[in-house]
Amino acid sequence: MSVFRVLRDKKGTVYIEPILATVLGLVAIFILYLWFLGKDRPIEKAAQSYLQALATGDLAAAREVSEGRAAEAAGMLEGKNLAARVDEISTSLQALGHDWARVKATVELTLKDGTADVGWYELDVMKETDGWKVVSFREGAPDLSGWSLVLGRAGDVEAAKEVFADYLEALAAGKWDEAVKYLAGPARKSMEASRDVLSKGKIIGRVDDLQAKLVWASGKEMVVEFSYKVDGRNVNLMTTFYRTIDKWKVVEIGK
């Protein structure tokens, strides 16, 4: 007779078997979790090292932890003097297969001009004979997922509204260099790519009756719906913000 049968045969021990099975199951899950945690650490470390090296302009370090297209991307930055200070890199393992993994990363920076910026990236990492290497590197977008926590965010909404109002005021005054400082991430890159056109004069007219409504918020990310008037025309925009070490900044402007 097995141990489990003996326990079941005794009065009052009918609960022992399911409890024991549950405990063993939890132990197995915990062991699996520790194994998975230990397995993904060198993967994320490779991704973090690559991003840190790119941001600070250390191309030799970037090449040490990369191959293929990722190494080529690092080489293309040579001589561009893009050095920045990395304030924080957060990574998450999105997929793990046989000697392959995909990592998402958020990188917070302070640029050479002292302004804060942020970027989102997706990296493919492969296990080679000398360790994990980044093999591809793509720019991404803010990850707006999960339930919204909108309670207690009135102060954040007011701060975001002030940033957006200053941004619009700078655009209306034709102050391109000032306006871009209220942006980060994709929004900043898009505006900088349009410098030759946008920096030649004012972009919009006077803005009146600016109203803000919070529609989603989680952690450092927030989506605010703005409504206002420009030259008598009604405008509505969904705008995504990110809280950098400096302040809330616009990272995406919708339609």
C-alpha atoms as a PDB file:
ATOM      1  CA  MET A   1       0.000   0.000   0.000  1.00  0.00           C
ATOM      2  CA  SER A   2       1.406   3.405  -0.973  1.00  0.00           C
ATOM      3  CA  VAL A   3       1.919   6.269   1.429  1.00  0.00           C
ATOM      4  CA  PHE A   4      -0.913   8.158  -0.215  1.00  0.00           C
ATOM      5  CA  ARG A   5      -3.345   5.249   0.364  1.00  0.00           C
ATOM      6  CA  VAL A   6      -2.347   4.963   4.044  1.00  0.00           C
ATOM      7  CA  LEU A   7      -2.985   8.693   4.489  1.00  0.00           C
ATOM      8  CA  ARG A   8      -6.343   8.466   2.796  1.00  0.00           C
ATOM      9  CA  ASP A   9      -7.378   5.513   4.943  1.00  0.00           C
ATOM     10  CA  LYS A  10      -6.936   7.371   8.226  1.00  0.00           C
ATOM     11  CA  LYS A  11      -9.735   9.496   9.584  1.00  0.00           C
ATOM     12  CA  GLY A  12      -9.322  13.202   9.009  1.00  0.00           C
ATOM     13  CA  THR A  13      -6.430  12.863   6.580  1.00  0.00           C
ATOM     14  CA  VAL A  14      -8.452  13.201   3.398  1.00  0.00           C
ATOM     15  CA  TYR A  15      -7.036  16.691   2.890  1.00  0.00           C
ATOM     16  CA  ILE A  16      -3.391  15.700   3.144  1.00  0.00           C
ATOM     17  CA  GLU A  17      -3.007  14.387  -0.379  1.00  0.00           C
ATOM     18  CA  PRO A  18      -4.341  17.458  -2.241  1.00  0.00           C
ATOM     19  CA  ILE A  19      -2.411  19.793   0.047  1.00  0.00           C
ATOM     20  CA  LEU A  20       0.783  17.799  -0.490  1.00  0.00           C
ATOM     21  CA  ALA A  21       0.205  17.794  -4.237  1.00  0.00           C
ATOM     22  CA  THR A  22      -0.327  21.560  -4.160  1.00  0.00           C
ATOM     23  CA  VAL A  23       2.868  22.121  -2.167  1.00  0.00           C
ATOM     24  CA  LEU A  24       4.888  19.945  -4.542  1.00  0.00           C
ATOM     25  CA  GLY A  25       3.368  21.804  -7.490  1.00  0.00           C
ATOM     26  CA  LEU A  26       4.317  25.166  -6.019  1.00  0.00           C
ATOM     27  CA  VAL A  27       7.851  23.961  -5.337  1.00  0.00           C
ATOM     28  CA  ALA A  28       8.155  22.781  -8.948  1.00  0.00           C
ATOM     29  CA  ILE A  29       6.880  26.124 -10.239  1.00  0.00           C
ATOM     30  CA  PHE A  30       9.333  27.984  -7.986  1.00  0.00           C
ATOM     31  CA  ILE A  31      12.258  25.872  -9.206  1.00  0.00           C
ATOM     32  CA  LEU A  32      11.181  26.438 -12.799  1.00  0.00           C
ATOM     33  CA  TYR A  33      10.920  30.172 -12.142  1.00  0.00           C
ATOM     34  CA  LEU A  34      14.437  30.287 -10.682  1.00  0.00           C
ATOM     35  CA  TRP A  35      15.762  28.346 -13.670  1.00  0.00           C
ATOM     36  CA  PHE A  36      14.023  30.688 -16.092  1.00  0.00           C
ATOM     37  CA  LEU A  37      15.247  33.747 -14.167  1.00  0.00           C
ATOM     38  CA  GLY A  38      18.814  32.499 -14.288  1.00  0.00           C
ATOM     39  CA  LYS A  39      18.519  31.657 -17.977  1.00  0.00           C
ATOM     40  CA  ASP A  40      17.258  35.062 -19.091  1.00  0.00           C
ATOM     41  CA  ARG A  41      19.781  37.105 -17.079  1.00  0.00           C
ATOM     42  CA  PRO A  42      22.694  36.800 -19.584  1.00  0.00           C
ATOM     43  CA  ILE A  43      20.254  37.436 -22.431  1.00  0.00           C
ATOM     44  CA  GLU A  44      19.004  40.702 -20.980  1.00  0.00           C
ATOM     45  CA  LYS A  45      22.541  41.636 -19.915  1.00  0.00           C
ATOM     46  CA  ALA A  46      23.699  41.348 -23.547  1.00  0.00           C
ATOM     47  CA  ALA A  47      20.827  43.570 -24.688  1.00  0.00           C
ATOM     48  CA  GLN A  48      21.526  46.124 -21.967  1.00  0.00           C
ATOM     49  CA  SER A  49      25.260  46.184 -22.724  1.00  0.00           C
ATOM     50  CA  TYR A  50      24.568  46.758 -26.422  1.00  0.00           C
ATOM     51  CA  LEU A  51      22.139  49.622 -25.776  1.00  0.00           C
ATOM     52  CA  GLN A  52      24.429  51.189 -23.172  1.00  0.00           C
ATOM     53  CA  ALA A  53      27.352  51.090 -25.614  1.00  0.00           C
ATOM     54  CA  LEU A  54      25.348  52.614 -28.471  1.00  0.00           C
ATOM     55  CA  ALA A  55      23.986  55.431 -26.347  1.00  0.00           C
ATOM     56  CA  THR A  56      27.365  56.385 -24.915  1.00  0.00           C
ATOM     57  CA  GLY A  57      29.129  56.094 -28.258  1.00  0.00           C
ATOM     58  CA  ASP A  58      31.303  53.125 -27.226  1.00  0.00           C
ATOM     59  CA  LEU A  59      31.192  51.341 -30.574  1.00  0.00           C
ATOM     60  CA  ALA A  60      33.907  48.839 -29.649  1.00  0.00           C
ATOM     61  CA  ALA A  61      31.817  47.646 -26.705  1.00  0.00           C
ATOM     62  CA  ALA A  62      28.728  47.473 -28.913  1.00  0.00           C
ATOM     63  CA  ARG A  63      30.530  45.242 -31.418  1.00  0.00           C
ATOM     64  CA  GLU A  64      31.698  42.902 -28.641  1.00  0.00           C
ATOM     65  CA  VAL A  65      28.112  41.923 -27.826  1.00  0.00           C
ATOM     66  CA  SER A  66      26.642  41.997 -31.337  1.00  0.00           C
ATOM     67  CA  GLU A  67      26.813  40.299 -34.708  1.00  0.00           C
ATOM     68  CA  GLY A  68      25.187  40.649 -38.110  1.00  0.00           C
ATOM     69  CA  ARG A  69      22.847  43.565 -38.647  1.00  0.00           C
ATOM     70  CA  ALA A  70      23.209  44.773 -35.055  1.00  0.00           C
ATOM     71  CA  ALA A  71      26.990  45.045 -35.463  1.00  0.00           C
ATOM     72  CA  GLU A  72      26.474  46.832 -38.787  1.00  0.00           C
ATOM     73  CA  ALA A  73      24.091  49.275 -37.124  1.00  0.00           C
ATOM     74  CA  ALA A  74      26.722  50.048 -34.497  1.00  0.00           C
ATOM     75  CA  GLY A  75      29.336  50.621 -37.202  1.00  0.00           C
ATOM     76  CA  MET A  76      27.104  53.151 -38.982  1.00  0.00           C
ATOM     77  CA  LEU A  77      27.243  55.405 -35.913  1.00  0.00           C
ATOM     78  CA  GLU A  78      31.033  55.734 -36.062  1.00  0.00           C
ATOM     79  CA  GLY A  79      32.182  59.346 -36.091  1.00  0.00           C
ATOM     80  CA  LYS A  80      28.737  60.797 -35.331  1.00  0.00           C
ATOM     81  CA  ASN A  81      29.564  61.809 -31.740  1.00  0.00           C
ATOM     82  CA  LEU A  82      26.175  60.758 -30.354  1.00  0.00           C
ATOM     83  CA  ALA A  83      27.364  60.256 -26.788  1.00  0.00           C
ATOM     84  CA  ALA A  84      24.630  60.607 -24.156  1.00  0.00           C
ATOM     85  CA  ARG A  85      24.281  59.723 -20.490  1.00  0.00           C
ATOM     86  CA  VAL A  86      22.202  56.627 -19.837  1.00  0.00           C
ATOM     87  CA  ASP A  87      19.917  57.168 -16.850  1.00  0.00           C
ATOM     88  CA  GLU A  88      18.055  53.867 -16.897  1.00  0.00           C
ATOM     89  CA  ILE A  89      17.640  50.772 -19.064  1.00  0.00           C
ATOM     90  CA  SER A  90      14.733  48.445 -18.358  1.00  0.00           C
ATOM     91  CA  THR A  91      14.347  45.192 -20.292  1.00  0.00           C
ATOM     92  CA  SER A  92      11.836  42.373 -20.503  1.00  0.00           C
ATOM     93  CA  LEU A  93      12.151  38.976 -22.134  1.00  0.00           C
ATOM     94  CA  GLN A  94       9.351  38.626 -24.702  1.00  0.00           C
ATOM     95  CA  ALA A  95      10.195  35.246 -26.227  1.00  0.00           C
ATOM     96  CA  LEU A  96      12.688  32.468 -25.566  1.00  0.00           C
ATOM     97  CA  GLY A  97      13.453  29.605 -27.920  1.00  0.00           C
ATOM     98  CA  HIS A  98      16.366  27.344 -28.806  1.00  0.00           C
ATOM     99  CA  ASP A  99      19.438  29.612 -28.482  1.00  0.00           C
ATOM    100  CA  TRP A 100      17.284  32.593 -29.493  1.00  0.00           C
ATOM    101  CA  ALA A 101      15.424  35.281 -27.568  1.00  0.00           C
ATOM    102  CA  ARG A 102      13.593  38.540 -28.154  1.00  0.00           C
ATOM    103  CA  VAL A 103      13.968  41.393 -25.703  1.00  0.00           C
ATOM    104  CA  LYS A 104      12.061  44.653 -25.394  1.00  0.00           C
ATOM    105  CA  ALA A 105      13.815  47.603 -23.816  1.00  0.00           C
ATOM    106  CA  THR A 106      13.111  51.126 -22.626  1.00  0.00           C
ATOM    107  CA  VAL A 107      16.134  53.423 -22.477  1.00  0.00           C
ATOM    108  CA  GLU A 108      16.089  56.757 -20.646  1.00  0.00           C
ATOM    109  CA  LEU A 109      18.822  59.201 -21.614  1.00  0.00           C
ATOM    110  CA  THR A 110      20.142  62.667 -20.972  1.00  0.00           C
ATOM    111  CA  LEU A 111      21.332  64.109 -24.270  1.00  0.00           C
ATOM    112  CA  LYS A 112      24.393  66.277 -24.805  1.00  0.00           C
ATOM    113  CA  ASP A 113      22.263  69.431 -24.615  1.00  0.00           C
ATOM    114  CA  GLY A 114      21.040  68.413 -21.156  1.00  0.00           C
ATOM    115  CA  THR A 115      17.494  67.476 -22.170  1.00  0.00           C
ATOM    116  CA  ALA A 116      15.920  64.146 -21.253  1.00  0.00           C
ATOM    117  CA  ASP A 117      14.923  61.621 -23.896  1.00  0.00           C
ATOM    118  CA  VAL A 118      13.554  58.085 -24.031  1.00  0.00           C
ATOM    119  CA  GLY A 119      13.532  55.311 -26.598  1.00  0.00           C
ATOM    120  CA  TRP A 120      11.853  51.923 -27.047  1.00  0.00           C
ATOM    121  CA  TYR A 121      13.638  49.074 -28.785  1.00  0.00           C
ATOM    122  CA  GLU A 122      13.227  45.435 -29.742  1.00  0.00           C
ATOM    123  CA  LEU A 123      16.299  43.230 -29.952  1.00  0.00           C
ATOM    124  CA  ASP A 124      16.838  39.665 -31.162  1.00  0.00           C
ATOM    125  CA  VAL A 125      19.575  37.834 -29.265  1.00  0.00           C
ATOM    126  CA  MET A 126      21.299  34.584 -30.296  1.00  0.00           C
ATOM    127  CA  LYS A 127      23.497  32.248 -28.257  1.00  0.00           C
ATOM    128  CA  GLU A 128      26.899  31.891 -29.899  1.00  0.00           C
ATOM    129  CA  THR A 129      29.968  29.926 -28.815  1.00  0.00           C
ATOM    130  CA  ASP A 130      31.275  32.948 -26.866  1.00  0.00           C
ATOM    131  CA  GLY A 131      27.951  33.946 -25.297  1.00  0.00           C
ATOM    132  CA  TRP A 132      24.727  35.747 -26.150  1.00  0.00           C
ATOM    133  CA  LYS A 133      24.946  38.298 -28.974  1.00  0.00           C
ATOM    134  CA  VAL A 134      22.496  40.907 -30.229  1.00  0.00           C
ATOM    135  CA  VAL A 135      21.829  40.141 -33.895  1.00  0.00           C
ATOM    136  CA  SER A 136      19.087  42.633 -34.754  1.00  0.00           C
ATOM    137  CA  PHE A 137      17.974  45.936 -33.339  1.00  0.00           C
ATOM    138  CA  ARG A 138      14.793  47.872 -34.126  1.00  0.00           C
ATOM    139  CA  GLU A 139      13.194  51.004 -32.764  1.00  0.00           C
ATOM    140  CA  GLY A 140       9.817  50.452 -31.200  1.00  0.00           C
ATOM    141  CA  ALA A 141       7.003  52.458 -29.644  1.00  0.00           C
ATOM    142  CA  PRO A 142       5.608  52.957 -26.137  1.00  0.00           C
ATOM    143  CA  ASP A 143       4.007  49.791 -24.820  1.00  0.00           C
ATOM    144  CA  LEU A 144       0.520  50.913 -23.828  1.00  0.00           C
ATOM    145  CA  SER A 145      -0.883  47.739 -22.326  1.00  0.00           C
ATOM    146  CA  GLY A 146      -2.823  46.744 -19.267  1.00  0.00           C
ATOM    147  CA  TRP A 147      -5.611  48.252 -17.235  1.00  0.00           C
ATOM    148  CA  SER A 148      -5.560  51.988 -16.719  1.00  0.00           C
ATOM    149  CA  LEU A 149      -4.958  53.450 -13.273  1.00  0.00           C
ATOM    150  CA  VAL A 150      -6.480  56.913 -13.595  1.00  0.00           C
ATOM    151  CA  LEU A 151      -7.257  57.666  -9.954  1.00  0.00           C
ATOM    152  CA  GLY A 152      -4.952  60.100  -8.212  1.00  0.00           C
ATOM    153  CA  ARG A 153      -3.406  61.341 -11.457  1.00  0.00           C
ATOM    154  CA  ALA A 154      -4.869  64.872 -11.460  1.00  0.00           C
ATOM    155  CA  GLY A 155      -1.453  66.415 -10.766  1.00  0.00           C
ATOM    156  CA  ASP A 156       0.133  64.443 -13.621  1.00  0.00           C
ATOM    157  CA  VAL A 157      -2.596  65.536 -16.036  1.00  0.00           C
ATOM    158  CA  GLU A 158      -2.117  69.163 -15.068  1.00  0.00           C
ATOM    159  CA  ALA A 159       1.655  68.837 -15.555  1.00  0.00           C
ATOM    160  CA  ALA A 160       1.135  67.213 -18.958  1.00  0.00           C
ATOM    161  CA  LYS A 161      -1.302  69.966 -19.945  1.00  0.00           C
ATOM    162  CA  GLU A 162       1.279  72.607 -19.025  1.00  0.00           C
ATOM    163  CA  VAL A 163       3.945  70.847 -21.119  1.00  0.00           C
ATOM    164  CA  PHE A 164       1.613  70.570 -24.114  1.00  0.00           C
ATOM    165  CA  ALA A 165       0.532  74.215 -23.779  1.00  0.00           C
ATOM    166  CA  ASP A 166       4.185  75.357 -23.736  1.00  0.00           C
ATOM    167  CA  TYR A 167       4.896  73.155 -26.752  1.00  0.00           C
ATOM    168  CA  LEU A 168       2.008  74.665 -28.736  1.00  0.00           C
ATOM    169  CA  GLU A 169       2.993  78.175 -27.688  1.00  0.00           C
ATOM    170  CA  ALA A 170       6.554  77.598 -28.926  1.00  0.00           C
ATOM    171  CA  LEU A 171       5.234  76.298 -32.255  1.00  0.00           C
ATOM    172  CA  ALA A 172       2.922  79.275 -32.630  1.00  0.00           C
ATOM    173  CA  ALA A 173       5.870  81.616 -31.982  1.00  0.00           C
ATOM    174  CA  GLY A 174       8.056  79.825 -34.532  1.00  0.00           C
ATOM    175  CA  LYS A 175      10.526  78.758 -31.837  1.00  0.00           C
ATOM    176  CA  TRP A 176      11.468  75.328 -33.188  1.00  0.00           C
ATOM    177  CA  ASP A 177      14.459  74.707 -30.899  1.00  0.00           C
ATOM    178  CA  GLU A 178      12.343  75.457 -27.838  1.00  0.00           C
ATOM    179  CA  ALA A 179       9.385  73.373 -29.007  1.00  0.00           C
ATOM    180  CA  VAL A 180      11.460  70.221 -29.566  1.00  0.00           C
ATOM    181  CA  LYS A 181      12.582  70.228 -25.922  1.00  0.00           C
ATOM    182  CA  TYR A 182       9.046  69.337 -24.848  1.00  0.00           C
ATOM    183  CA  LEU A 183       9.230  66.154 -26.920  1.00  0.00           C
ATOM    184  CA  ALA A 184      10.947  62.797 -26.476  1.00  0.00           C
ATOM    185  CA  GLY A 185      11.127  59.455 -28.222  1.00  0.00           C
ATOM    186  CA  PRO A 186       9.277  59.059 -31.551  1.00  0.00           C
ATOM    187  CA  ALA A 187       7.765  62.557 -31.395  1.00  0.00           C
ATOM    188  CA  ARG A 188      11.167  64.180 -31.010  1.00  0.00           C
ATOM    189  CA  LYS A 189      12.731  62.071 -33.775  1.00  0.00           C
ATOM    190  CA  SER A 190       9.889  62.953 -36.135  1.00  0.00           C
ATOM    191  CA  MET A 191      10.213  66.664 -35.467  1.00  0.00           C
ATOM    192  CA  GLU A 192      13.996  66.616 -35.778  1.00  0.00           C
ATOM    193  CA  ALA A 193      13.659  64.812 -39.123  1.00  0.00           C
ATOM    194  CA  SER A 194      11.473  67.712 -40.319  1.00  0.00           C
ATOM    195  CA  ARG A 195      13.835  70.438 -39.083  1.00  0.00           C
ATOM    196  CA  ASP A 196      14.527  71.907 -42.528  1.00  0.00           C
ATOM    197  CA  VAL A 197      10.825  72.585 -43.077  1.00  0.00           C
ATOM    198  CA  LEU A 198       9.473  73.218 -39.595  1.00  0.00           C
ATOM    199  CA  SER A 199      12.257  75.516 -38.391  1.00  0.00           C
ATOM    200  CA  LYS A 200      11.627  78.216 -41.008  1.00  0.00           C
ATOM    201  CA  GLY A 201       8.696  79.886 -39.274  1.00  0.00           C
ATOM    202  CA  LYS A 202       5.678  79.408 -37.069  1.00  0.00           C
ATOM    203  CA  ILE A 203       3.878  76.129 -37.609  1.00  0.00           C
ATOM    204  CA  ILE A 204       0.458  76.811 -36.136  1.00  0.00           C
ATOM    205  CA  GLY A 205      -1.671  79.787 -35.225  1.00  0.00           C
ATOM    206  CA  ARG A 206      -2.757  80.923 -31.803  1.00  0.00           C
ATOM    207  CA  VAL A 207      -4.196  78.223 -29.534  1.00  0.00           C
ATOM    208  CA  ASP A 208      -7.230  78.964 -27.364  1.00  0.00           C
ATOM    209  CA  ASP A 209      -9.362  77.080 -24.833  1.00  0.00           C
ATOM    210  CA  LEU A 210      -6.991  74.137 -24.252  1.00  0.00           C
ATOM    211  CA  GLN A 211      -8.717  71.309 -22.371  1.00  0.00           C
ATOM    212  CA  ALA A 212      -7.196  68.024 -21.163  1.00  0.00           C
ATOM    213  CA  LYS A 213      -8.823  64.675 -20.344  1.00  0.00           C
ATOM    214  CA  LEU A 214      -6.965  61.649 -19.034  1.00  0.00           C
ATOM    215  CA  VAL A 215      -7.921  58.471 -20.908  1.00  0.00           C
ATOM    216  CA  TRP A 216      -5.215  56.002 -19.825  1.00  0.00           C
ATOM    217  CA  ALA A 217      -2.292  55.911 -17.407  1.00  0.00           C
ATOM    218  CA  SER A 218       0.111  53.306 -16.070  1.00  0.00           C
ATOM    219  CA  GLY A 219       3.466  53.869 -14.417  1.00  0.00           C
ATOM    220  CA  LYS A 220       5.477  56.415 -16.364  1.00  0.00           C
ATOM    221  CA  GLU A 221       3.151  56.432 -19.382  1.00  0.00           C
ATOM    222  CA  MET A 222      -0.033  58.387 -19.870  1.00  0.00           C
ATOM    223  CA  VAL A 223      -2.468  59.148 -22.703  1.00  0.00           C
ATOM    224  CA  VAL A 224      -4.281  62.470 -22.619  1.00  0.00           C
ATOM    225  CA  GLU A 225      -6.975  63.725 -24.970  1.00  0.00           C
ATOM    226  CA  PHE A 226      -6.568  67.417 -25.771  1.00  0.00           C
ATOM    227  CA  SER A 227      -9.149  69.687 -27.319  1.00  0.00           C
ATOM    228  CA  TYR A 228      -8.489  73.282 -28.345  1.00  0.00           C
ATOM    229  CA  LYS A 229      -9.090  75.879 -31.025  1.00  0.00           C
ATOM    230  CA  VAL A 230      -6.615  77.139 -33.597  1.00  0.00           C
ATOM    231  CA  ASP A 231      -7.721  80.097 -35.729  1.00  0.00           C
ATOM    232  CA  GLY A 232     -11.321  79.277 -34.841  1.00  0.00           C
ATOM    233  CA  ARG A 233     -10.985  75.603 -35.848  1.00  0.00           C
ATOM    234  CA  ASN A 234     -11.669  72.829 -33.331  1.00  0.00           C
ATOM    235  CA  VAL A 235      -8.841  70.318 -32.824  1.00  0.00           C
ATOM    236  CA  ASN A 236      -8.826  67.019 -30.887  1.00  0.00           C
ATOM    237  CA  LEU A 237      -5.643  65.024 -30.299  1.00  0.00           C
ATOM    238  CA  MET A 238      -4.723  61.860 -28.420  1.00  0.00           C
ATOM    239  CA  THR A 239      -1.269  62.486 -27.014  1.00  0.00           C
ATOM    240  CA  THR A 240       1.038  60.020 -25.278  1.00  0.00           C
ATOM    241  CA  PHE A 241       3.354  61.231 -22.512  1.00  0.00           C
ATOM    242  CA  TYR A 242       6.304  59.684 -20.735  1.00  0.00           C
ATOM    243  CA  ARG A 243       7.664  60.852 -17.382  1.00  0.00           C
ATOM    244  CA  THR A 244      11.391  61.338 -17.896  1.00  0.00           C
ATOM    245  CA  ILE A 245      13.831  62.259 -15.142  1.00  0.00           C
ATOM    246  CA  ASP A 246      13.218  65.870 -16.192  1.00  0.00           C
ATOM    247  CA  LYS A 247       9.416  66.068 -16.541  1.00  0.00           C
ATOM    248  CA  TRP A 248       6.501  64.683 -18.505  1.00  0.00           C
ATOM    249  CA  LYS A 249       7.241  64.817 -22.219  1.00  0.00           C
ATOM    250  CA  VAL A 250       5.232  64.211 -25.378  1.00  0.00           C
ATOM    251  CA  VAL A 251       6.334  60.968 -27.074  1.00  0.00           C
ATOM    252  CA  GLU A 252       3.485  60.451 -29.557  1.00  0.00           C
ATOM    253  CA  ILE A 253       0.935  62.803 -31.054  1.00  0.00           C
ATOM    254  CA  GLY A 254      -2.109  61.136 -32.564  1.00  0.00           C
ATOM    255  CA  LYS A 255      -4.891  62.488 -34.725  1.00  0.00           C
END
